[in-house]
C-alpha cells in the first residue's frame, strides 16, 4: 500500500496514533509477504 493511500485510510477512519501505527505495521508486513511471494515465483 502506498504511503498516500495509507495516510488517506488513517485520516478517513480518524485513527488515533496507536491504531495508525498498528495499521502501518500491518501494511509493512503484508508488503514483505507480497515481495517474498514474488521472489519465490521468479525462482520457479
N, C-alpha and C. Protein backbone atom coordinates (compact mmCIF):
# COMPACT_ATOMS: atom_id res chain seq x y z
N UNK A 1 0.87 -1.17 0.00
CA UNK A 1 0.00 0.00 0.00
C UNK A 1 0.91 1.22 0.00
N UNK A 2 0.63 2.11 -0.90
CA UNK A 2 1.45 3.32 -0.98
C UNK A 2 1.15 4.22 0.22
N UNK A 3 2.14 5.01 0.58
CA UNK A 3 2.02 5.89 1.74
C UNK A 3 0.83 6.85 1.61
N UNK A 4 0.58 7.32 0.40
CA UNK A 4 -0.52 8.25 0.16
C UNK A 4 -1.86 7.58 0.50
N UNK A 5 -2.01 6.33 0.09
CA UNK A 5 -3.24 5.59 0.37
C UNK A 5 -3.36 5.31 1.86
N UNK A 6 -2.26 4.90 2.48
CA UNK A 6 -2.25 4.63 3.91
C UNK A 6 -2.67 5.87 4.69
N UNK A 7 -2.13 7.02 4.33
CA UNK A 7 -2.49 8.27 5.02
C UNK A 7 -3.97 8.60 4.82
N UNK A 8 -4.49 8.33 3.63
CA UNK A 8 -5.91 8.59 3.37
C UNK A 8 -6.79 7.69 4.23
N UNK A 9 -6.42 6.43 4.37
CA UNK A 9 -7.19 5.50 5.19
C UNK A 9 -7.15 5.92 6.65
N UNK A 10 -5.96 6.26 7.13
CA UNK A 10 -5.81 6.70 8.53
C UNK A 10 -6.67 7.93 8.79
N UNK A 11 -6.63 8.89 7.88
CA UNK A 11 -7.41 10.11 8.04
C UNK A 11 -8.90 9.85 7.95
N UNK A 12 -9.30 9.03 7.00
CA UNK A 12 -10.72 8.75 6.79
C UNK A 12 -11.32 8.02 7.99
N UNK A 13 -10.56 7.12 8.58
CA UNK A 13 -11.05 6.37 9.73
C UNK A 13 -10.84 7.11 11.05
N UNK A 14 -10.16 8.25 11.00
CA UNK A 14 -9.85 9.05 12.20
C UNK A 14 -9.16 8.19 13.26
N UNK A 15 -8.13 7.48 12.82
CA UNK A 15 -7.41 6.59 13.73
C UNK A 15 -6.54 7.39 14.69
N UNK A 16 -6.51 6.95 15.91
CA UNK A 16 -5.60 7.53 16.89
C UNK A 16 -4.21 6.97 16.62
N UNK A 17 -3.17 7.61 17.18
CA UNK A 17 -1.80 7.18 16.89
C UNK A 17 -1.53 5.68 17.12
N UNK A 18 -2.00 5.06 18.21
CA UNK A 18 -1.71 3.63 18.36
C UNK A 18 -2.33 2.77 17.24
N UNK A 19 -3.55 3.11 16.84
CA UNK A 19 -4.20 2.35 15.78
C UNK A 19 -3.54 2.63 14.43
N UNK A 20 -3.14 3.86 14.21
CA UNK A 20 -2.46 4.21 12.96
C UNK A 20 -1.13 3.46 12.86
N UNK A 21 -0.42 3.36 13.97
CA UNK A 21 0.85 2.62 13.98
C UNK A 21 0.61 1.14 13.71
N UNK A 22 -0.43 0.59 14.27
CA UNK A 22 -0.75 -0.82 14.02
C UNK A 22 -1.06 -1.05 12.55
N UNK A 23 -1.81 -0.14 11.94
CA UNK A 23 -2.13 -0.25 10.53
C UNK A 23 -0.86 -0.14 9.69
N UNK A 24 0.03 0.73 10.06
CA UNK A 24 1.30 0.88 9.34
C UNK A 24 2.13 -0.39 9.43
N UNK A 25 2.18 -0.98 10.61
CA UNK A 25 2.93 -2.23 10.78
C UNK A 25 2.31 -3.36 9.96
N UNK A 26 1.00 -3.44 9.98
CA UNK A 26 0.31 -4.45 9.18
C UNK A 26 0.62 -4.27 7.70
N UNK A 27 0.60 -3.05 7.25
CA UNK A 27 0.89 -2.75 5.84
C UNK A 27 2.30 -3.19 5.48
N UNK A 28 3.27 -2.85 6.33
CA UNK A 28 4.66 -3.26 6.06
C UNK A 28 4.79 -4.77 6.03
N UNK A 29 4.12 -5.46 6.93
CA UNK A 29 4.18 -6.93 6.96
C UNK A 29 3.59 -7.53 5.70
N UNK A 30 2.46 -7.00 5.27
CA UNK A 30 1.83 -7.51 4.05
C UNK A 30 2.70 -7.26 2.83
N UNK A 31 3.37 -6.12 2.80
CA UNK A 31 4.26 -5.82 1.68
C UNK A 31 5.44 -6.78 1.66
N UNK A 32 5.98 -7.13 2.82
CA UNK A 32 7.08 -8.09 2.88
C UNK A 32 6.63 -9.46 2.39
N UNK A 33 5.44 -9.87 2.80
CA UNK A 33 4.91 -11.15 2.35
C UNK A 33 4.74 -11.15 0.84
N UNK A 34 4.20 -10.08 0.30
CA UNK A 34 3.99 -9.98 -1.15
C UNK A 34 5.32 -10.04 -1.90
N UNK A 35 6.33 -9.35 -1.39
CA UNK A 35 7.65 -9.37 -2.04
C UNK A 35 8.24 -10.78 -1.99
N UNK A 36 8.04 -11.48 -0.89
CA UNK A 36 8.55 -12.84 -0.76
C UNK A 36 7.86 -13.75 -1.76
N UNK A 37 6.56 -13.60 -1.92
CA UNK A 37 5.82 -14.42 -2.90
C UNK A 37 6.31 -14.14 -4.31
N UNK A 38 6.53 -12.86 -4.63
CA UNK A 38 7.01 -12.52 -5.96
C UNK A 38 8.40 -13.08 -6.20
N UNK A 39 9.25 -13.04 -5.17
CA UNK A 39 10.61 -13.56 -5.30
C UNK A 39 10.58 -15.07 -5.55
N UNK A 40 9.74 -15.78 -4.78
CA UNK A 40 9.65 -17.23 -4.94
C UNK A 40 9.10 -17.60 -6.30
N UNK A 41 8.14 -16.83 -6.82
CA UNK A 41 7.58 -17.10 -8.14
C UNK A 41 8.63 -16.91 -9.23
N UNK A 42 9.50 -15.94 -9.06
CA UNK A 42 10.51 -15.67 -10.07
C UNK A 42 11.60 -16.74 -10.08
N UNK A 43 11.77 -17.44 -8.96
CA UNK A 43 12.76 -18.50 -8.88
C UNK A 43 12.30 -19.75 -9.64
N UNK A 44 11.01 -19.97 -9.66
CA UNK A 44 10.46 -21.21 -10.25
C UNK A 44 10.62 -21.25 -11.76
